[in-house]
N, C-alpha and C. Protein backbone atom coordinates (compact mmCIF):
# COMPACT_ATOMS: atom_id res chain seq x y z
N UNK A 1 30.44 -54.43 -49.93
CA UNK A 1 31.19 -53.74 -51.44
C UNK A 1 30.35 -53.54 -52.48
N UNK A 2 30.19 -54.73 -53.03
CA UNK A 2 29.22 -54.96 -54.28
C UNK A 2 27.64 -54.26 -54.13
N UNK A 3 27.19 -54.52 -52.94
CA UNK A 3 25.77 -54.25 -52.50
C UNK A 3 25.92 -52.75 -52.73
N UNK A 4 26.96 -52.17 -52.51
CA UNK A 4 27.09 -50.69 -52.46
C UNK A 4 26.96 -50.06 -54.20
N UNK A 5 27.99 -50.81 -54.79
CA UNK A 5 28.23 -50.99 -56.14
C UNK A 5 26.57 -50.36 -56.89
N UNK A 6 26.21 -51.47 -56.84
CA UNK A 6 24.56 -51.53 -57.93
C UNK A 6 23.89 -50.58 -56.83
N UNK A 7 23.69 -49.00 -56.85
CA UNK A 7 23.27 -48.60 -55.99
C UNK A 7 22.12 -47.71 -57.28
N UNK A 8 22.40 -47.38 -58.64
CA UNK A 8 22.17 -46.29 -59.50
C UNK A 8 20.56 -47.27 -59.98
N UNK A 9 19.37 -46.84 -60.19
CA UNK A 9 18.72 -47.48 -60.89
C UNK A 9 18.20 -46.37 -61.92
N UNK A 10 18.23 -47.22 -63.16
CA UNK A 10 17.56 -46.73 -63.91
C UNK A 10 16.34 -46.42 -63.80
N UNK A 11 15.54 -44.90 -64.42
CA UNK A 11 14.01 -44.68 -64.30
C UNK A 11 13.57 -45.08 -65.44
N UNK A 12 13.97 -45.44 -66.53
CA UNK A 12 13.46 -45.88 -67.88
C UNK A 12 12.85 -47.52 -67.79
N UNK A 13 13.89 -48.19 -67.29
CA UNK A 13 13.75 -49.67 -67.43
C UNK A 13 13.55 -50.14 -65.70
N UNK A 14 14.29 -49.44 -65.15
CA UNK A 14 14.11 -50.13 -63.66
C UNK A 14 15.39 -51.13 -63.39
N UNK A 15 16.39 -51.30 -63.92
CA UNK A 15 17.69 -52.09 -64.16
C UNK A 15 18.52 -51.28 -63.01
N UNK A 16 18.84 -52.07 -62.32
CA UNK A 16 20.36 -51.25 -61.26
C UNK A 16 21.30 -51.34 -61.96
N UNK A 17 22.07 -50.38 -61.63
CA UNK A 17 23.15 -49.91 -62.44
C UNK A 17 24.44 -49.63 -61.41
N UNK A 18 25.56 -49.76 -61.66
CA UNK A 18 26.35 -49.23 -60.58
C UNK A 18 26.41 -47.34 -60.27
N UNK A 19 27.40 -47.04 -59.43
CA UNK A 19 27.27 -45.96 -59.42
C UNK A 19 27.90 -45.00 -59.90
N UNK A 20 28.82 -45.67 -60.45
CA UNK A 20 29.79 -45.16 -61.64
C UNK A 20 29.52 -44.80 -63.14
N UNK A 21 28.10 -45.96 -63.26
CA UNK A 21 27.98 -45.70 -64.59
C UNK A 21 26.60 -44.76 -65.11
N UNK A 22 27.13 -44.31 -66.48
CA UNK A 22 26.88 -42.76 -66.81
C UNK A 22 25.22 -43.29 -67.73
N UNK A 23 25.52 -44.60 -68.22
CA UNK A 23 24.39 -45.17 -69.28
C UNK A 23 24.00 -46.65 -68.45
N UNK A 24 22.51 -46.59 -68.64
CA UNK A 24 21.93 -48.09 -68.31
C UNK A 24 22.65 -49.04 -69.46
N UNK A 25 22.88 -50.35 -68.69
CA UNK A 25 23.70 -51.48 -69.10
C UNK A 25 22.64 -52.42 -69.79
N UNK A 26 21.01 -52.26 -70.15
CA UNK A 26 20.23 -52.79 -70.23
C UNK A 26 19.38 -51.98 -71.44
N UNK A 27 19.19 -50.72 -71.28
CA UNK A 27 18.66 -49.85 -72.09
C UNK A 27 19.11 -48.29 -72.77
N UNK A 28 20.16 -48.06 -72.27
CA UNK A 28 21.06 -47.45 -72.77
C UNK A 28 20.75 -46.06 -72.29
N UNK A 29 20.01 -45.47 -71.51
CA UNK A 29 19.28 -44.67 -71.15
C UNK A 29 20.75 -44.09 -69.89
N UNK A 30 20.52 -42.40 -70.39
CA UNK A 30 21.47 -41.28 -69.52
C UNK A 30 21.05 -41.77 -68.18
N UNK A 31 21.71 -42.08 -67.06
CA UNK A 31 21.86 -42.23 -66.02
C UNK A 31 21.65 -40.92 -65.47
N UNK A 32 22.35 -39.92 -65.94
CA UNK A 32 22.88 -38.85 -65.28
C UNK A 32 21.82 -37.89 -65.16
N UNK A 33 21.32 -37.97 -66.32
CA UNK A 33 20.11 -36.54 -66.58
C UNK A 33 18.99 -37.34 -65.68
N UNK A 34 18.46 -38.53 -66.12
CA UNK A 34 17.55 -38.92 -65.27
C UNK A 34 17.56 -38.64 -63.48
N UNK A 35 18.80 -39.02 -63.41
CA UNK A 35 18.74 -39.33 -61.68
C UNK A 35 18.89 -37.45 -61.54
N UNK A 36 19.35 -36.75 -62.23
CA UNK A 36 18.74 -34.70 -62.07
C UNK A 36 17.65 -34.66 -62.17
N UNK A 37 16.77 -35.97 -62.90
CA UNK A 37 15.61 -35.04 -62.69
C UNK A 37 14.62 -35.39 -61.82
N UNK A 38 14.76 -36.81 -61.87
CA UNK A 38 14.08 -37.75 -60.33
C UNK A 38 14.49 -36.77 -58.92
N UNK A 39 15.87 -36.13 -59.51
CA UNK A 39 16.96 -35.92 -57.57
C UNK A 39 15.18 -34.40 -57.07
N UNK A 40 14.82 -33.46 -58.47
CA UNK A 40 14.01 -32.90 -57.44
C UNK A 40 12.19 -33.32 -57.39
N UNK A 41 12.40 -34.10 -58.19
CA UNK A 41 11.16 -35.12 -57.86
C UNK A 41 10.71 -35.78 -56.11
N UNK A 42 11.66 -36.66 -56.04
CA UNK A 42 11.71 -37.32 -54.96
C UNK A 42 11.85 -36.44 -53.54
N UNK A 43 12.53 -35.42 -53.70
CA UNK A 43 12.84 -34.43 -52.83
C UNK A 43 11.47 -33.44 -52.51
N UNK A 44 10.58 -33.53 -53.47
CA UNK A 44 9.35 -33.07 -53.35
C UNK A 44 8.42 -34.29 -53.03
N UNK A 45 8.53 -35.35 -53.18
CA UNK A 45 7.36 -36.62 -52.82
C UNK A 45 7.60 -35.80 -50.67
N UNK A 46 8.69 -36.33 -50.11
CA UNK A 46 7.93 -36.14 -48.91
C UNK A 46 7.69 -34.86 -48.55
N UNK A 47 6.47 -34.52 -48.39
CA UNK A 47 6.08 -33.46 -47.72
C UNK A 47 6.32 -32.85 -46.48
N UNK A 48 7.14 -31.83 -46.72
CA UNK A 48 7.52 -30.78 -45.36
C UNK A 48 6.52 -30.35 -44.72
N UNK A 49 6.14 -30.89 -43.85
CA UNK A 49 5.08 -29.92 -42.85
C UNK A 49 4.87 -28.38 -42.87
N UNK A 50 4.16 -27.69 -42.76
CA UNK A 50 3.80 -26.29 -43.32
C UNK A 50 4.52 -25.65 -41.82
N UNK A 51 5.00 -24.53 -41.98
CA UNK A 51 5.84 -23.56 -40.89
C UNK A 51 4.15 -23.03 -40.04
N UNK A 52 4.21 -23.29 -38.63
CA UNK A 52 3.01 -23.32 -37.99
C UNK A 52 2.69 -21.69 -38.25
N UNK A 53 1.71 -20.80 -37.95
CA UNK A 53 1.42 -19.33 -38.12
C UNK A 53 2.27 -19.04 -36.80
N UNK A 54 2.34 -17.56 -37.03
CA UNK A 54 2.93 -17.34 -35.77
C UNK A 54 1.92 -16.72 -34.88
N UNK A 55 2.10 -17.46 -33.41
CA UNK A 55 1.58 -16.87 -32.57
C UNK A 55 0.94 -15.78 -32.08
N UNK A 56 -0.13 -15.13 -31.33
CA UNK A 56 -0.02 -13.76 -31.34
C UNK A 56 0.82 -13.56 -30.48
N UNK A 57 1.22 -12.10 -30.30
CA UNK A 57 1.74 -11.82 -28.79
C UNK A 57 0.65 -11.38 -27.80
N UNK A 58 1.06 -12.20 -26.71
CA UNK A 58 0.22 -12.00 -24.93
C UNK A 58 0.67 -10.52 -25.00
N UNK A 59 -0.83 -10.11 -24.63
CA UNK A 59 -0.69 -8.80 -24.06
C UNK A 59 0.33 -9.06 -22.48
N UNK A 60 1.24 -7.81 -21.91
CA UNK A 60 2.24 -8.15 -20.97
C UNK A 60 0.40 -7.85 -19.68
N UNK A 61 1.04 -8.83 -19.06
CA UNK A 61 0.39 -9.36 -17.51
C UNK A 61 0.38 -8.10 -16.67
N UNK A 62 -0.53 -7.75 -16.22
CA UNK A 62 -0.72 -6.28 -15.34
C UNK A 62 -0.03 -7.24 -13.95
N UNK A 63 0.69 -6.75 -12.86
CA UNK A 63 0.44 -7.02 -11.54
C UNK A 63 -0.70 -7.12 -10.58
N UNK A 64 -0.27 -8.18 -10.29
CA UNK A 64 -1.63 -9.22 -9.39
C UNK A 64 -2.04 -7.92 -8.04
N UNK A 65 -2.50 -7.24 -7.75
CA UNK A 65 -2.30 -6.68 -6.14
C UNK A 65 -2.84 -8.04 -5.42
N UNK A 66 -1.58 -8.00 -4.59
CA UNK A 66 -2.02 -9.08 -3.13
C UNK A 66 -2.44 -7.97 -2.18
N UNK A 67 -3.51 -8.27 -1.63
CA UNK A 67 -4.01 -7.27 -0.20
C UNK A 67 -2.38 -7.45 0.99
N UNK A 68 -2.33 -6.91 2.08
CA UNK A 68 -1.28 -7.09 3.05
C UNK A 68 -2.51 -7.18 3.93
N UNK A 69 -1.58 -8.15 4.49
CA UNK A 69 -2.43 -8.86 5.39
C UNK A 69 -2.62 -8.19 6.73
N UNK A 70 -4.03 -7.79 7.25
CA UNK A 70 -4.18 -6.88 8.01
C UNK A 70 -3.88 -7.38 9.90
N UNK A 71 -3.05 -7.18 10.24
CA UNK A 71 -2.41 -7.09 11.26
C UNK A 71 -3.38 -5.90 13.02
N UNK A 72 -3.34 -6.61 13.84
CA UNK A 72 -3.78 -5.38 14.98
C UNK A 72 -3.18 -4.55 15.31
N UNK A 73 -3.77 -3.17 15.29
CA UNK A 73 -2.34 -2.13 15.76
C UNK A 73 -2.22 -1.79 17.18
N UNK A 74 -1.00 -2.54 17.38
CA UNK A 74 -0.64 -2.38 18.76
C UNK A 74 -0.40 -1.21 18.87
N UNK A 75 0.14 -0.09 18.36
CA UNK A 75 0.17 1.20 18.55
C UNK A 75 -0.90 1.94 19.25
N UNK A 76 -2.00 1.72 18.30
CA UNK A 76 -3.31 2.10 18.68
C UNK A 76 -3.81 1.07 20.11
N UNK A 77 -3.37 0.05 20.18
CA UNK A 77 -3.70 -0.16 21.67
C UNK A 77 -2.95 0.68 22.48
N UNK A 78 -1.96 0.82 22.36
CA UNK A 78 -1.19 1.33 23.25
C UNK A 78 -2.12 2.84 23.58
N UNK A 79 -2.32 3.54 22.63
CA UNK A 79 -3.38 4.96 22.94
C UNK A 79 -4.47 4.41 23.84
N UNK A 80 -5.39 3.39 23.46
CA UNK A 80 -6.35 3.25 24.38
C UNK A 80 -5.48 2.90 25.77
N UNK A 81 -4.58 2.39 25.77
CA UNK A 81 -4.05 1.89 27.32
C UNK A 81 -3.73 3.06 28.28
N UNK A 82 -2.75 4.59 27.43
CA UNK A 82 -3.32 5.76 28.10
C UNK A 82 -3.65 6.12 28.38
N UNK A 83 -4.81 6.45 28.02
CA UNK A 83 -6.59 6.89 28.00
C UNK A 83 -6.80 6.34 29.04
N UNK A 84 -7.31 4.98 29.24
CA UNK A 84 -7.21 4.77 30.67
C UNK A 84 -6.65 4.97 31.88
N UNK A 85 -5.04 4.89 31.32
CA UNK A 85 -4.28 5.47 32.66
C UNK A 85 -4.43 6.44 33.01
N UNK A 86 -4.98 7.39 32.10
CA UNK A 86 -4.81 9.26 31.95
C UNK A 86 -6.22 9.13 33.33
N UNK A 87 -7.17 8.47 32.75
CA UNK A 87 -8.63 8.16 33.36
C UNK A 87 -8.83 8.14 34.93
N UNK A 88 -7.74 6.98 35.00
CA UNK A 88 -7.39 6.51 36.51
C UNK A 88 -6.56 7.53 37.27
N UNK A 89 -5.41 8.53 36.60
CA UNK A 89 -4.78 9.07 37.62
C UNK A 89 -5.88 10.46 37.61
N UNK A 90 -6.39 11.08 36.53
CA UNK A 90 -7.39 12.28 37.02
C UNK A 90 -8.52 11.79 38.07
N UNK A 91 -8.86 10.52 38.16
CA UNK A 91 -10.25 10.54 39.32
C UNK A 91 -9.27 9.93 40.77
N UNK A 92 -7.77 9.75 40.52
CA UNK A 92 -7.14 9.65 41.60
C UNK A 92 -7.18 10.49 42.48
N UNK A 93 -6.67 11.43 41.73
CA UNK A 93 -6.06 12.99 42.23
C UNK A 93 -7.43 13.82 42.63
N UNK A 94 -9.03 13.28 41.82
CA UNK A 94 -10.26 14.23 42.73
C UNK A 94 -10.77 13.33 42.95
N UNK A 95 -11.30 12.67 44.19
CA UNK A 95 -11.92 12.14 44.52
C UNK A 95 -13.54 12.24 44.23
N UNK A 96 -13.72 13.89 44.19
CA UNK A 96 -15.09 13.78 44.21
C UNK A 96 -15.41 14.45 42.62
N UNK A 97 -15.07 13.58 41.64
CA UNK A 97 -15.33 13.96 40.68
C UNK A 97 -16.77 13.83 39.86
N UNK A 98 -16.99 12.51 40.61
CA UNK A 98 -18.26 12.06 40.20
C UNK A 98 -19.63 12.58 40.71
N UNK A 99 -19.50 12.95 41.95
CA UNK A 99 -20.46 14.07 42.72
C UNK A 99 -20.19 16.19 41.99
N UNK A 100 -18.82 16.05 41.40
CA UNK A 100 -18.86 17.54 41.13
C UNK A 100 -19.72 17.76 39.30
N UNK A 101 -19.53 16.08 38.88
CA UNK A 101 -20.18 15.98 37.44
C UNK A 101 -21.80 15.50 37.69
N UNK A 102 -22.00 15.16 38.73
CA UNK A 102 -23.06 15.18 38.61
C UNK A 102 -24.12 16.32 38.96
N UNK A 103 -23.37 17.30 39.80
CA UNK A 103 -23.57 18.40 40.37
C UNK A 103 -24.24 19.64 39.01
N UNK A 104 -22.97 19.20 38.12
CA UNK A 104 -22.55 20.27 37.09
C UNK A 104 -24.29 20.25 35.83
N UNK A 105 -24.11 18.59 36.14
CA UNK A 105 -25.54 18.12 34.96
C UNK A 105 -26.72 18.64 35.67
N UNK A 106 -26.90 18.36 37.17
CA UNK A 106 -28.29 18.96 37.18
C UNK A 106 -28.70 20.06 37.26
N UNK A 107 -27.52 20.85 37.26
CA UNK A 107 -27.49 22.74 36.81
C UNK A 107 -28.16 22.78 35.44
N UNK A 108 -27.31 21.60 34.26
CA UNK A 108 -27.73 21.99 32.88
C UNK A 108 -28.98 21.82 33.16
N UNK A 109 -29.75 20.00 33.53
CA UNK A 109 -31.07 19.88 33.40
C UNK A 109 -31.90 21.34 34.34
N UNK A 110 -31.31 21.66 34.85
CA UNK A 110 -32.51 22.82 35.52
C UNK A 110 -32.63 24.25 34.87
N UNK A 111 -31.71 23.93 33.99
CA UNK A 111 -32.21 25.39 32.60
C UNK A 111 -30.79 26.29 32.83
N UNK A 112 -30.20 25.80 33.69
CA UNK A 112 -28.67 26.91 34.10
C UNK A 112 -27.48 26.66 33.24
N UNK A 113 -27.58 26.06 31.87
CA UNK A 113 -26.11 25.34 31.42
C UNK A 113 -25.29 26.75 30.96
N UNK A 114 -25.37 28.07 31.08
CA UNK A 114 -24.41 29.03 31.32
C UNK A 114 -23.42 28.68 32.73
N UNK A 115 -23.83 28.12 33.57
CA UNK A 115 -23.16 28.21 34.90
C UNK A 115 -22.22 27.69 34.90
N UNK A 116 -21.29 28.39 35.26
CA UNK A 116 -20.18 27.99 35.32
C UNK A 116 -19.69 26.59 36.62
N UNK A 117 -19.00 25.48 36.09
CA UNK A 117 -19.10 24.54 36.39
C UNK A 117 -18.06 24.69 37.36
N UNK A 118 -17.88 23.70 38.62
CA UNK A 118 -16.70 23.50 39.57
C UNK A 118 -16.11 23.80 39.38
N UNK A 119 -15.33 24.22 40.41
CA UNK A 119 -13.66 24.87 40.09
C UNK A 119 -12.74 23.37 39.66
N UNK A 120 -12.93 22.44 41.20
CA UNK A 120 -12.94 21.19 40.75
C UNK A 120 -13.03 20.43 39.68
N UNK A 121 -14.20 20.26 39.23
CA UNK A 121 -14.39 19.88 37.61
C UNK A 121 -13.19 20.23 36.91
N UNK A 122 -13.47 21.78 36.59
CA UNK A 122 -12.49 22.60 35.93
C UNK A 122 -10.94 22.00 35.44
N UNK A 123 -10.31 22.08 36.73
CA UNK A 123 -8.68 21.60 37.34
C UNK A 123 -8.78 20.24 36.28
N UNK A 124 -9.58 19.49 36.86
CA UNK A 124 -9.46 18.21 36.38
C UNK A 124 -9.80 18.00 34.73
N UNK A 125 -10.44 18.95 34.23
CA UNK A 125 -10.67 18.95 32.82
C UNK A 125 -9.40 19.02 32.56
N UNK A 126 -8.72 20.23 32.55
CA UNK A 126 -7.60 20.22 32.37
C UNK A 126 -6.23 19.37 32.51
N UNK A 127 -6.26 18.99 33.59
CA UNK A 127 -5.26 17.75 33.80
C UNK A 127 -5.82 16.91 32.83
N UNK A 128 -6.97 16.52 32.51
CA UNK A 128 -7.10 15.13 31.70
C UNK A 128 -6.52 15.46 30.46
N UNK A 129 -7.23 16.50 29.47
CA UNK A 129 -6.41 17.04 28.49
C UNK A 129 -5.43 17.16 28.21
N UNK A 130 -4.37 17.50 28.81
CA UNK A 130 -3.19 17.68 29.32
C UNK A 130 -2.57 16.77 28.57
N UNK A 131 -2.70 15.73 29.96
CA UNK A 131 -2.33 14.47 29.84
C UNK A 131 -2.23 13.29 29.00
N UNK A 132 -3.76 13.78 28.30
CA UNK A 132 -4.18 13.33 27.07
C UNK A 132 -3.43 12.99 25.76
N UNK A 133 -2.94 14.70 25.64
CA UNK A 133 -2.54 15.37 24.65
C UNK A 133 -0.80 14.71 25.00
N UNK A 134 -0.37 14.66 26.05
CA UNK A 134 1.36 14.65 25.70
C UNK A 134 1.58 12.67 25.53
N UNK A 135 0.52 12.10 26.36
CA UNK A 135 0.32 10.47 25.41
C UNK A 135 -0.16 10.54 24.09
N UNK A 136 -0.31 11.77 23.37
CA UNK A 136 -0.59 11.45 22.42
C UNK A 136 0.94 11.87 21.07
N UNK A 137 1.71 12.42 21.92
CA UNK A 137 2.93 12.50 21.73
C UNK A 137 3.82 11.53 21.46
N UNK A 138 3.43 10.56 22.82
CA UNK A 138 4.42 9.21 22.55
C UNK A 138 3.64 8.65 21.87
N UNK A 139 2.45 8.82 21.01
CA UNK A 139 1.53 7.60 20.54
C UNK A 139 2.19 8.19 19.01
N UNK A 140 2.69 9.48 19.08
CA UNK A 140 2.88 9.91 17.13
C UNK A 140 4.63 9.16 16.84
N UNK A 141 5.13 8.96 18.35
CA UNK A 141 6.44 8.68 17.77
C UNK A 141 6.62 7.28 18.03
N UNK A 142 6.01 5.80 18.54
CA UNK A 142 5.90 4.85 18.83
C UNK A 142 5.53 4.45 16.95
N UNK A 143 4.73 5.36 16.50
CA UNK A 143 3.82 5.32 15.26
C UNK A 143 4.95 5.15 13.88
N UNK A 144 5.83 6.72 14.51
CA UNK A 144 6.98 6.80 13.40
C UNK A 144 8.18 5.95 13.70
N UNK A 145 8.33 5.07 14.88
CA UNK A 145 9.48 4.15 15.12
C UNK A 145 9.07 2.78 14.44
N UNK A 146 7.64 2.30 15.01
CA UNK A 146 7.67 1.20 14.39
C UNK A 146 6.97 1.08 13.08
N UNK A 147 6.25 1.78 12.72
CA UNK A 147 5.37 1.72 11.26
C UNK A 147 5.71 2.60 10.29
N UNK A 148 6.43 4.15 10.17
CA UNK A 148 6.82 4.69 9.73
C UNK A 148 5.97 5.51 8.31
N UNK A 149 4.80 5.57 9.63
CA UNK A 149 3.21 5.85 8.79
C UNK A 149 3.45 7.22 8.82
N UNK A 150 3.74 8.24 7.96
CA UNK A 150 3.71 9.69 8.22
C UNK A 150 2.32 9.84 8.86
N UNK A 151 1.18 10.03 7.68
CA UNK A 151 0.06 10.57 8.20
C UNK A 151 -0.56 9.79 9.51
N UNK A 152 -0.51 9.17 10.04
CA UNK A 152 -0.76 8.73 11.19
C UNK A 152 -0.28 9.47 12.51
N UNK A 153 1.33 9.24 11.91
CA UNK A 153 2.03 9.74 12.91
C UNK A 153 1.76 11.72 12.83
N UNK A 154 1.36 11.71 11.77
CA UNK A 154 1.26 13.56 11.74
C UNK A 154 -0.47 13.72 12.47
N UNK A 155 -1.75 12.97 11.97
CA UNK A 155 -2.77 13.08 13.23
C UNK A 155 -2.53 13.02 14.58
N UNK A 156 -1.69 11.75 14.92
CA UNK A 156 -1.64 11.93 16.49
C UNK A 156 -0.98 13.18 16.95
N UNK A 157 0.28 13.74 16.59
CA UNK A 157 1.09 14.67 17.08
C UNK A 157 0.35 15.97 16.73
N UNK A 158 -0.94 16.00 15.46
CA UNK A 158 -1.99 17.70 15.77
C UNK A 158 -2.90 17.19 16.59
N UNK A 159 -3.42 16.22 16.85
CA UNK A 159 -3.88 15.73 18.06
C UNK A 159 -3.27 15.98 19.59
N UNK A 160 -2.20 15.74 19.41
CA UNK A 160 -1.69 15.97 21.13
C UNK A 160 -2.13 17.79 21.21
N UNK A 161 -1.15 18.54 20.17
CA UNK A 161 -1.19 19.97 19.88
C UNK A 161 -2.89 20.86 20.74
N UNK A 162 -3.66 19.78 19.62
CA UNK A 162 -4.99 20.26 19.80
C UNK A 162 -5.86 20.30 21.81
N UNK A 163 -5.22 19.01 21.99
CA UNK A 163 -5.56 18.73 23.47
C UNK A 163 -4.40 19.59 24.21
N UNK A 164 -3.71 19.67 24.38
CA UNK A 164 -2.77 20.51 25.26
C UNK A 164 -2.84 22.06 25.31
N UNK A 165 -3.19 22.06 23.82
CA UNK A 165 -3.73 23.92 23.68
C UNK A 165 -5.25 23.75 24.82
N UNK A 166 -5.73 23.10 24.55
CA UNK A 166 -7.45 23.10 25.10
C UNK A 166 -6.94 23.01 27.13
N UNK A 167 -5.92 22.22 27.23
CA UNK A 167 -5.78 22.25 28.28
C UNK A 167 -5.04 23.52 29.11
N UNK A 168 -4.29 24.58 27.87
CA UNK A 168 -4.14 25.64 28.44
C UNK A 168 -5.10 26.92 28.69
N UNK A 169 -5.79 26.07 27.52
CA UNK A 169 -7.01 27.37 27.82
C UNK A 169 -8.20 26.95 28.77
N UNK A 170 -8.52 25.56 29.59
CA UNK A 170 -8.93 25.46 30.15
C UNK A 170 -8.43 26.02 31.83
N UNK A 171 -7.08 26.04 31.95
CA UNK A 171 -6.16 26.95 33.08
C UNK A 171 -6.46 27.95 33.38
N UNK A 172 -6.42 28.62 31.99
CA UNK A 172 -6.59 30.21 32.20
C UNK A 172 -7.90 30.58 32.45
N UNK A 173 -9.17 29.30 32.19
CA UNK A 173 -10.13 29.68 32.40
C UNK A 173 -10.50 29.52 33.77
N UNK A 174 -9.74 28.84 34.25
CA UNK A 174 -10.17 28.15 35.85
C UNK A 174 -9.24 29.55 36.81
N UNK A 175 -8.77 29.90 36.17
CA UNK A 175 -7.91 31.50 36.82
C UNK A 175 -8.86 33.20 36.16
N UNK A 176 -10.10 32.39 35.72
CA UNK A 176 -10.97 33.59 35.19
C UNK A 176 -10.13 34.38 34.73
N UNK A 177 -9.00 34.40 33.44
CA UNK A 177 -8.69 34.78 33.02
C UNK A 177 -9.08 35.25 31.15
N UNK A 178 -10.22 34.05 31.23
CA UNK A 178 -10.49 33.82 30.23
C UNK A 178 -12.05 33.67 30.08
N UNK A 179 -13.09 33.86 29.67
CA UNK A 179 -14.54 33.03 29.63
C UNK A 179 -14.54 31.96 29.03
N UNK A 180 -15.78 30.98 29.08
CA UNK A 180 -15.87 30.36 29.12
C UNK A 180 -16.07 30.38 27.43
N UNK A 181 -16.68 30.99 26.39
CA UNK A 181 -16.76 30.89 25.14
C UNK A 181 -15.68 31.74 24.24
N UNK A 182 -14.79 32.62 25.06
CA UNK A 182 -13.57 32.66 24.08
C UNK A 182 -12.53 31.25 23.91
N UNK A 183 -12.81 30.58 25.75
CA UNK A 183 -12.34 28.93 25.64
C UNK A 183 -12.77 28.40 24.32
N UNK A 184 -14.49 28.16 24.49
CA UNK A 184 -14.61 27.16 22.89
C UNK A 184 -14.02 28.02 21.93
N UNK A 185 -14.20 29.22 21.07
CA UNK A 185 -13.76 29.92 20.21
C UNK A 185 -12.75 29.58 20.00
N UNK A 186 -11.38 30.03 20.65
CA UNK A 186 -9.94 30.01 20.49
C UNK A 186 -9.82 28.27 19.79
N UNK A 187 -10.26 27.27 21.07
CA UNK A 187 -10.26 26.30 20.57
C UNK A 187 -11.05 25.80 19.17
N UNK A 188 -12.29 26.12 19.23
CA UNK A 188 -12.32 25.64 17.34
C UNK A 188 -11.46 26.57 16.23
N UNK A 189 -10.77 27.48 16.61
CA UNK A 189 -9.91 28.02 15.27
C UNK A 189 -8.69 27.09 15.81
N UNK A 190 -8.28 27.14 16.68
CA UNK A 190 -6.75 26.32 16.80
C UNK A 190 -7.29 24.90 15.86
N UNK A 191 -8.38 24.02 16.07
CA UNK A 191 -8.69 22.93 15.66
C UNK A 191 -8.51 22.96 14.23
N UNK A 192 -9.39 24.29 13.71
CA UNK A 192 -9.36 24.27 12.20
C UNK A 192 -8.10 24.67 11.50
N UNK A 193 -7.06 25.16 12.43
CA UNK A 193 -5.79 25.45 11.57
C UNK A 193 -5.22 24.17 11.32
N UNK A 194 -5.23 23.07 12.52
CA UNK A 194 -4.83 22.18 12.63
C UNK A 194 -4.94 21.40 11.65
N UNK A 195 -6.41 20.80 11.22
CA UNK A 195 -7.11 20.33 9.82
C UNK A 195 -6.83 20.46 8.68
N UNK A 196 -6.17 22.20 8.42
CA UNK A 196 -5.70 23.10 7.47
C UNK A 196 -4.42 22.07 7.22
N UNK A 197 -3.34 22.17 8.06
CA UNK A 197 -2.14 21.52 7.87
C UNK A 197 -2.55 20.25 7.44
N UNK A 198 -3.39 19.67 8.26
CA UNK A 198 -3.30 18.01 8.22
C UNK A 198 -3.52 17.66 5.81
N UNK A 199 -4.74 18.26 6.30
CA UNK A 199 -4.79 17.78 4.83
C UNK A 199 -4.22 18.49 3.82
N UNK A 200 -3.61 19.48 4.27
CA UNK A 200 -2.63 19.71 3.56
C UNK A 200 -1.08 18.91 2.87
N UNK A 201 -1.08 18.51 4.01
CA UNK A 201 0.54 18.11 4.19
C UNK A 201 0.05 16.32 3.74
N UNK A 202 -1.64 15.81 4.06
CA UNK A 202 -2.04 14.30 3.33
C UNK A 202 -2.26 14.98 1.88
N UNK A 203 -2.26 15.25 1.66
CA UNK A 203 -2.79 15.62 -0.11
C UNK A 203 -0.86 15.93 -0.86
N UNK A 204 -0.34 16.56 -0.39
CA UNK A 204 1.07 17.02 -0.77
C UNK A 204 1.64 15.11 -0.75
N UNK A 205 2.06 14.51 0.32
CA UNK A 205 2.21 13.39 0.42
C UNK A 205 1.97 12.43 -0.43
N UNK A 206 0.40 12.82 -0.54
CA UNK A 206 0.01 11.18 -1.33
C UNK A 206 -0.34 11.42 -2.78
N UNK A 207 0.24 12.93 -3.58
CA UNK A 207 0.87 13.14 -4.52
C UNK A 207 1.27 11.80 -5.47
N UNK A 208 1.05 11.65 -6.84
CA UNK A 208 1.73 10.73 -6.84
C UNK A 208 3.52 11.22 -7.64
N UNK A 209 3.43 12.40 -7.25
CA UNK A 209 5.19 13.77 -8.17
C UNK A 209 5.67 13.13 -7.13
N UNK A 210 5.10 13.04 -5.58
CA UNK A 210 6.16 13.38 -4.41
C UNK A 210 6.12 11.67 -3.94
N UNK A 211 5.74 10.71 -4.04
CA UNK A 211 5.32 9.23 -4.00
C UNK A 211 6.70 8.38 -4.01
N UNK A 212 7.25 8.50 -5.24
CA UNK A 212 8.28 7.91 -5.36
C UNK A 212 9.73 8.66 -5.36
N UNK A 213 9.67 9.54 -4.88
CA UNK A 213 10.84 10.41 -4.16
C UNK A 213 11.37 9.83 -2.17
N UNK A 214 10.12 9.44 -1.95
CA UNK A 214 9.21 9.55 -0.57
C UNK A 214 10.13 7.69 -0.41
N UNK A 215 9.41 6.65 -1.09
CA UNK A 215 9.95 5.34 -1.61
C UNK A 215 11.22 5.31 -1.28
N UNK A 216 11.92 6.17 -2.37
CA UNK A 216 12.95 5.89 -1.91
C UNK A 216 14.33 6.26 -0.87
N UNK A 217 13.44 7.01 0.07
CA UNK A 217 14.12 7.41 1.46
C UNK A 217 13.65 6.59 2.20
N UNK A 218 12.46 6.17 2.76
CA UNK A 218 11.69 5.52 3.80
C UNK A 218 11.56 4.32 3.91
N UNK A 219 10.94 3.12 4.20
CA UNK A 219 10.45 1.84 4.25
C UNK A 219 9.02 2.10 3.20
N UNK A 220 8.46 1.18 2.66
CA UNK A 220 7.62 0.64 3.04
C UNK A 220 6.60 1.83 3.40
N UNK A 221 5.65 3.09 3.30
CA UNK A 221 4.84 3.39 4.48
C UNK A 221 3.71 2.80 4.20
N UNK A 222 3.11 2.96 5.49
CA UNK A 222 1.65 2.44 5.67
C UNK A 222 0.42 3.86 5.82
N UNK A 223 -0.06 4.49 4.63
CA UNK A 223 -0.95 5.15 5.39
C UNK A 223 -2.25 5.19 6.34
């Protein structure tokens, strides 16, 4: 307790006085005035650290594009399998297909390119394109079911329509209801119309104003 009483130091002479004393016991100087004057000095002596300047605000980070890992196109492999299956069916139904192809090729080399192909070759070609078009419809269904890709599904669907249409034209050509030039011109017109449809829908689906609404309905599409 006595150590706590002698806690007031006189700034004039350095004598230690009691805390309750108002004047120095040695020199008579006022302890209250000295203490109040010394308080700001002592409070100012310990240098307070200056506040650090505010750091500049960092720019918002842009999302980093992470490419999706590429996986084999298994649906496309289905298309390759269908192609070889259709090719095998056509060769099985027409055993003389290679002979007819060689005969027609010899006619083309002889300068008779406008000569009508053999009937068996025409029928086999119509069957080939018809079955290939039907397989394209199956590929379109598989693409939509597994990948939800609108662009690729549309491409497979329109390709199937073009092939089935060409098969029908070849059937009419085999019946001699249509000429070869008419078959080519009509098929070219059909392909042009389907290309316009494909390009128009592709542009419509890939525009920014359409993409948010589509992403809310379907899963993440794969163009």
